[in-house]
Amino acid sequence: MEVLAAIVDYLSDGYSDIYLVGYGNSSGTNNPATSELWKNDGGNGFSLVQNTGLPPTTFATTAWADFDKDGFVEAFITSRDNTTSNALANAALYRNNGGTVSLGYPSLAD
């Protein structure tokens, strides 16, 4: 499995966390969908965050920024579904509600 990593302080606590999304591979085969958020435990390692609200993805990219100026960065995720012949593209902005994430806006691809 290949993944793309983003270093982001999603809790705005001063510690860099890690977000992993499925990316794909050079052989063209599909990989399991991936979406993992790892919380920095204050310099004592990382723990996997459960029930993040972020979708599993394949062939994805991500960027994080404080879109609504509330002090918490939001996740913008693009991905592609290679399980169909038309390779559907998806793009969505996920609002960070202080540690929990929800779909902030409908799909931007529509």
N, C-alpha and C. Protein backbone atom coordinates (compact mmCIF):
# COMPACT_ATOMS: atom_id res chain seq x y z
N MET A 1 0.85 -1.17 0.00
CA MET A 1 0.00 0.00 0.00
C MET A 1 0.89 1.23 0.00
N GLU A 2 0.52 2.22 -0.78
CA GLU A 2 1.22 3.50 -0.79
C GLU A 2 0.31 4.56 -0.21
N VAL A 3 0.88 5.46 0.57
CA VAL A 3 0.09 6.52 1.20
C VAL A 3 0.78 7.86 1.01
N LEU A 4 0.00 8.90 1.19
CA LEU A 4 0.49 10.26 1.20
C LEU A 4 0.32 10.77 2.63
N ALA A 5 1.33 11.41 3.17
CA ALA A 5 1.28 11.91 4.54
C ALA A 5 1.22 13.43 4.55
N ALA A 6 0.41 13.96 5.44
CA ALA A 6 0.35 15.40 5.69
C ALA A 6 0.67 15.63 7.16
N ILE A 7 1.57 16.55 7.44
CA ILE A 7 1.88 16.93 8.81
C ILE A 7 1.01 18.13 9.14
N VAL A 8 0.18 18.01 10.18
CA VAL A 8 -0.81 19.04 10.48
C VAL A 8 -1.09 19.05 11.98
N ASP A 9 -1.30 20.22 12.54
CA ASP A 9 -1.68 20.35 13.95
C ASP A 9 -3.20 20.51 14.00
N TYR A 10 -3.91 19.39 13.91
CA TYR A 10 -5.36 19.47 13.76
C TYR A 10 -6.07 19.89 15.06
N LEU A 11 -5.41 19.77 16.21
CA LEU A 11 -6.01 20.20 17.48
C LEU A 11 -5.57 21.60 17.91
N SER A 12 -4.67 22.20 17.13
CA SER A 12 -4.10 23.51 17.46
C SER A 12 -3.53 23.52 18.88
N ASP A 13 -2.85 22.41 19.23
CA ASP A 13 -2.26 22.29 20.56
C ASP A 13 -0.75 22.48 20.55
N GLY A 14 -0.20 22.83 19.37
CA GLY A 14 1.23 23.06 19.26
C GLY A 14 2.03 21.82 18.91
N TYR A 15 1.38 20.67 18.74
CA TYR A 15 2.05 19.42 18.38
C TYR A 15 1.65 19.00 16.98
N SER A 16 2.63 18.62 16.17
CA SER A 16 2.36 18.20 14.79
C SER A 16 1.81 16.78 14.78
N ASP A 17 0.65 16.62 14.15
CA ASP A 17 -0.01 15.32 13.99
C ASP A 17 0.23 14.84 12.57
N ILE A 18 -0.15 13.60 12.27
CA ILE A 18 0.07 13.02 10.95
C ILE A 18 -1.26 12.52 10.39
N TYR A 19 -1.56 12.91 9.15
CA TYR A 19 -2.74 12.40 8.45
C TYR A 19 -2.27 11.63 7.24
N LEU A 20 -2.75 10.39 7.08
CA LEU A 20 -2.38 9.51 5.97
C LEU A 20 -3.59 9.26 5.09
N VAL A 21 -3.42 9.40 3.77
CA VAL A 21 -4.47 9.07 2.82
C VAL A 21 -3.92 8.08 1.80
N GLY A 22 -4.80 7.23 1.27
CA GLY A 22 -4.40 6.28 0.23
C GLY A 22 -3.98 7.01 -1.02
N TYR A 23 -2.90 6.56 -1.63
CA TYR A 23 -2.38 7.26 -2.80
C TYR A 23 -2.41 6.43 -4.07
N GLY A 24 -2.22 5.13 -4.00
CA GLY A 24 -2.13 4.31 -5.20
C GLY A 24 -0.72 3.80 -5.38
N ASN A 25 -0.44 3.18 -6.50
CA ASN A 25 0.93 2.74 -6.75
C ASN A 25 1.24 2.75 -8.23
N SER A 26 2.49 2.61 -8.53
CA SER A 26 2.95 2.74 -9.91
C SER A 26 2.56 1.55 -10.78
N SER A 27 2.19 0.42 -10.17
CA SER A 27 1.82 -0.75 -10.96
C SER A 27 0.40 -0.67 -11.49
N GLY A 28 -0.37 0.32 -10.99
CA GLY A 28 -1.73 0.51 -11.48
C GLY A 28 -2.77 -0.31 -10.75
N THR A 29 -2.38 -1.11 -9.77
CA THR A 29 -3.36 -1.90 -9.03
C THR A 29 -3.96 -1.06 -7.92
N ASN A 30 -5.17 -1.39 -7.56
CA ASN A 30 -5.84 -0.65 -6.49
C ASN A 30 -5.31 -1.07 -5.14
N ASN A 31 -5.24 -0.15 -4.22
CA ASN A 31 -4.85 -0.40 -2.85
C ASN A 31 -6.08 -0.22 -1.96
N PRO A 32 -6.05 -0.82 -0.77
CA PRO A 32 -7.17 -0.58 0.15
C PRO A 32 -7.30 0.90 0.46
N ALA A 33 -8.52 1.35 0.60
CA ALA A 33 -8.76 2.76 0.93
C ALA A 33 -8.16 3.05 2.31
N THR A 34 -7.53 4.21 2.43
CA THR A 34 -6.85 4.57 3.67
C THR A 34 -7.23 5.98 4.10
N SER A 35 -7.41 6.16 5.39
CA SER A 35 -7.58 7.48 6.00
C SER A 35 -7.27 7.30 7.47
N GLU A 36 -6.08 7.73 7.88
CA GLU A 36 -5.67 7.57 9.26
C GLU A 36 -5.14 8.89 9.79
N LEU A 37 -5.65 9.29 10.95
CA LEU A 37 -5.18 10.48 11.63
C LEU A 37 -4.47 10.03 12.90
N TRP A 38 -3.20 10.42 13.03
CA TRP A 38 -2.38 10.04 14.17
C TRP A 38 -2.11 11.28 15.01
N LYS A 39 -2.59 11.26 16.27
CA LYS A 39 -2.44 12.38 17.19
C LYS A 39 -1.09 12.30 17.89
N ASN A 40 -0.39 13.44 17.91
CA ASN A 40 0.86 13.55 18.63
C ASN A 40 0.53 13.62 20.12
N ASP A 41 1.07 12.68 20.88
CA ASP A 41 0.79 12.61 22.32
C ASP A 41 1.76 13.46 23.13
N GLY A 42 2.01 14.66 22.67
CA GLY A 42 2.85 15.59 23.40
C GLY A 42 4.31 15.22 23.45
N GLY A 43 4.80 14.63 22.38
CA GLY A 43 6.20 14.23 22.32
C GLY A 43 6.46 12.84 22.86
N ASN A 44 5.39 12.12 23.23
CA ASN A 44 5.51 10.76 23.76
C ASN A 44 5.02 9.71 22.78
N GLY A 45 5.08 9.99 21.49
CA GLY A 45 4.60 9.06 20.47
C GLY A 45 3.31 9.56 19.84
N PHE A 46 2.66 8.67 19.10
CA PHE A 46 1.44 8.99 18.38
C PHE A 46 0.39 7.93 18.68
N SER A 47 -0.87 8.32 18.68
CA SER A 47 -1.97 7.36 18.83
C SER A 47 -2.97 7.58 17.70
N LEU A 48 -3.52 6.48 17.21
CA LEU A 48 -4.50 6.52 16.12
C LEU A 48 -5.81 7.09 16.64
N VAL A 49 -6.34 8.10 15.95
CA VAL A 49 -7.61 8.72 16.32
C VAL A 49 -8.73 7.91 15.69
N GLN A 50 -9.68 7.48 16.49
CA GLN A 50 -10.82 6.71 16.01
C GLN A 50 -11.97 7.65 15.62
N ASN A 51 -12.80 7.24 14.68
CA ASN A 51 -14.01 7.97 14.29
C ASN A 51 -13.73 9.44 13.96
N THR A 52 -12.82 9.66 13.02
CA THR A 52 -12.43 11.02 12.67
C THR A 52 -13.47 11.75 11.83
N GLY A 53 -14.29 11.03 11.10
CA GLY A 53 -15.22 11.66 10.17
C GLY A 53 -14.61 11.87 8.80
N LEU A 54 -13.32 11.50 8.65
CA LEU A 54 -12.65 11.63 7.35
C LEU A 54 -12.81 10.32 6.58
N PRO A 55 -13.14 10.38 5.29
CA PRO A 55 -13.44 9.17 4.52
C PRO A 55 -12.19 8.40 4.11
N PRO A 56 -12.27 7.06 4.02
CA PRO A 56 -11.17 6.30 3.43
C PRO A 56 -11.03 6.69 1.96
N THR A 57 -9.80 6.77 1.48
CA THR A 57 -9.56 7.24 0.11
C THR A 57 -8.55 6.37 -0.61
N THR A 58 -8.59 6.43 -1.92
CA THR A 58 -7.54 5.88 -2.78
C THR A 58 -7.15 6.97 -3.76
N PHE A 59 -5.91 6.94 -4.22
CA PHE A 59 -5.41 7.92 -5.18
C PHE A 59 -5.78 9.34 -4.74
N ALA A 60 -5.38 9.70 -3.51
CA ALA A 60 -5.82 10.94 -2.90
C ALA A 60 -4.67 11.91 -2.65
N THR A 61 -5.05 13.16 -2.48
CA THR A 61 -4.16 14.21 -2.00
C THR A 61 -4.93 14.98 -0.93
N THR A 62 -4.21 15.70 -0.10
CA THR A 62 -4.87 16.47 0.95
C THR A 62 -4.08 17.73 1.27
N ALA A 63 -4.80 18.75 1.68
CA ALA A 63 -4.20 20.01 2.14
C ALA A 63 -5.04 20.48 3.32
N TRP A 64 -4.39 21.14 4.27
CA TRP A 64 -5.08 21.61 5.48
C TRP A 64 -4.84 23.12 5.64
N ALA A 65 -5.90 23.85 5.99
CA ALA A 65 -5.81 25.29 6.26
C ALA A 65 -7.01 25.70 7.11
N ASP A 66 -6.87 26.78 7.85
CA ASP A 66 -7.96 27.28 8.69
C ASP A 66 -8.92 28.10 7.83
N PHE A 67 -9.80 27.41 7.15
CA PHE A 67 -10.70 28.03 6.18
C PHE A 67 -11.69 28.99 6.83
N ASP A 68 -12.22 28.63 8.01
CA ASP A 68 -13.25 29.46 8.64
C ASP A 68 -12.72 30.33 9.79
N LYS A 69 -11.40 30.40 9.93
CA LYS A 69 -10.74 31.28 10.91
C LYS A 69 -11.19 31.06 12.35
N ASP A 70 -11.43 29.76 12.71
CA ASP A 70 -11.82 29.44 14.09
C ASP A 70 -10.65 28.91 14.92
N GLY A 71 -9.46 28.86 14.34
CA GLY A 71 -8.29 28.37 15.05
C GLY A 71 -7.99 26.91 14.82
N PHE A 72 -8.86 26.21 14.09
CA PHE A 72 -8.65 24.79 13.76
C PHE A 72 -8.59 24.62 12.25
N VAL A 73 -7.59 23.87 11.77
CA VAL A 73 -7.44 23.69 10.33
C VAL A 73 -8.45 22.69 9.79
N GLU A 74 -8.97 22.99 8.61
CA GLU A 74 -9.89 22.10 7.91
C GLU A 74 -9.11 21.26 6.90
N ALA A 75 -9.69 20.13 6.49
CA ALA A 75 -9.05 19.22 5.54
C ALA A 75 -9.73 19.33 4.18
N PHE A 76 -8.95 19.57 3.15
CA PHE A 76 -9.43 19.51 1.77
C PHE A 76 -8.84 18.23 1.19
N ILE A 77 -9.72 17.34 0.71
CA ILE A 77 -9.28 16.03 0.22
C ILE A 77 -9.79 15.82 -1.19
N THR A 78 -8.89 15.45 -2.08
CA THR A 78 -9.27 15.03 -3.42
C THR A 78 -8.91 13.57 -3.57
N SER A 79 -9.73 12.83 -4.29
CA SER A 79 -9.44 11.41 -4.50
C SER A 79 -10.06 10.97 -5.82
N ARG A 80 -9.69 9.78 -6.23
CA ARG A 80 -10.20 9.22 -7.48
C ARG A 80 -10.62 7.79 -7.23
N ASP A 81 -11.78 7.41 -7.72
CA ASP A 81 -12.27 6.04 -7.58
C ASP A 81 -11.89 5.27 -8.83
N ASN A 82 -10.87 4.45 -8.74
CA ASN A 82 -10.41 3.68 -9.89
C ASN A 82 -11.10 2.33 -10.03
N THR A 83 -12.17 2.11 -9.25
CA THR A 83 -12.87 0.84 -9.35
C THR A 83 -13.89 0.85 -10.48
N THR A 84 -14.12 2.02 -11.09
CA THR A 84 -15.05 2.10 -12.21
C THR A 84 -14.29 2.52 -13.46
N SER A 85 -14.90 2.29 -14.59
CA SER A 85 -14.21 2.59 -15.85
C SER A 85 -14.05 4.09 -16.08
N ASN A 86 -14.89 4.91 -15.46
CA ASN A 86 -14.79 6.35 -15.70
C ASN A 86 -13.94 7.08 -14.66
N ALA A 87 -13.35 6.38 -13.70
CA ALA A 87 -12.43 6.95 -12.71
C ALA A 87 -12.96 8.27 -12.13
N LEU A 88 -14.04 8.19 -11.39
CA LEU A 88 -14.69 9.37 -10.82
C LEU A 88 -13.75 10.13 -9.90
N ALA A 89 -13.77 11.45 -10.01
CA ALA A 89 -12.96 12.31 -9.14
C ALA A 89 -13.84 12.88 -8.04
N ASN A 90 -13.29 12.99 -6.85
CA ASN A 90 -14.01 13.55 -5.71
C ASN A 90 -13.15 14.64 -5.09
N ALA A 91 -13.81 15.69 -4.62
CA ALA A 91 -13.13 16.75 -3.89
C ALA A 91 -14.09 17.28 -2.84
N ALA A 92 -13.62 17.40 -1.61
CA ALA A 92 -14.49 17.89 -0.54
C ALA A 92 -13.69 18.60 0.53
N LEU A 93 -14.35 19.55 1.18
CA LEU A 93 -13.77 20.28 2.30
C LEU A 93 -14.42 19.79 3.57
N TYR A 94 -13.60 19.36 4.54
CA TYR A 94 -14.10 18.82 5.80
C TYR A 94 -13.79 19.81 6.91
N ARG A 95 -14.84 20.23 7.62
CA ARG A 95 -14.71 21.23 8.68
C ARG A 95 -14.21 20.56 9.96
N ASN A 96 -13.19 21.17 10.58
CA ASN A 96 -12.64 20.72 11.86
C ASN A 96 -13.39 21.45 12.97
N ASN A 97 -14.10 20.69 13.79
CA ASN A 97 -14.90 21.27 14.87
C ASN A 97 -14.18 21.15 16.20
N GLY A 98 -12.90 21.41 16.21
CA GLY A 98 -12.13 21.32 17.44
C GLY A 98 -11.68 19.91 17.77
N GLY A 99 -11.44 19.11 16.76
CA GLY A 99 -10.96 17.75 16.96
C GLY A 99 -11.82 16.71 16.29
N THR A 100 -13.09 17.02 16.05
CA THR A 100 -13.94 16.14 15.25
C THR A 100 -14.15 16.82 13.90
N VAL A 101 -14.31 16.01 12.87
CA VAL A 101 -14.38 16.54 11.51
C VAL A 101 -15.71 16.14 10.88
N SER A 102 -16.30 17.07 10.15
CA SER A 102 -17.54 16.78 9.43
C SER A 102 -17.46 17.39 8.04
N LEU A 103 -18.23 16.83 7.13
CA LEU A 103 -18.27 17.36 5.77
C LEU A 103 -18.81 18.77 5.84
N GLY A 104 -17.97 19.73 5.49
CA GLY A 104 -18.35 21.13 5.61
C GLY A 104 -19.15 21.63 4.44
N TYR A 105 -18.91 21.07 3.29
CA TYR A 105 -19.57 21.50 2.07
C TYR A 105 -19.82 20.29 1.21
N PRO A 106 -20.84 20.33 0.37
CA PRO A 106 -21.05 19.22 -0.56
C PRO A 106 -19.86 19.06 -1.49
N SER A 107 -19.83 17.97 -2.18
CA SER A 107 -18.73 17.69 -3.11
C SER A 107 -18.48 18.88 -4.02
N LEU A 108 -17.22 19.27 -4.11
CA LEU A 108 -16.86 20.39 -4.97
C LEU A 108 -16.78 19.99 -6.43
N ALA A 109 -16.89 18.68 -6.72
CA ALA A 109 -16.81 18.20 -8.09
C ALA A 109 -18.15 18.32 -8.80
N ASP A 110 -19.24 18.50 -8.02
CA ASP A 110 -20.57 18.58 -8.64
C ASP A 110 -20.80 19.89 -9.33
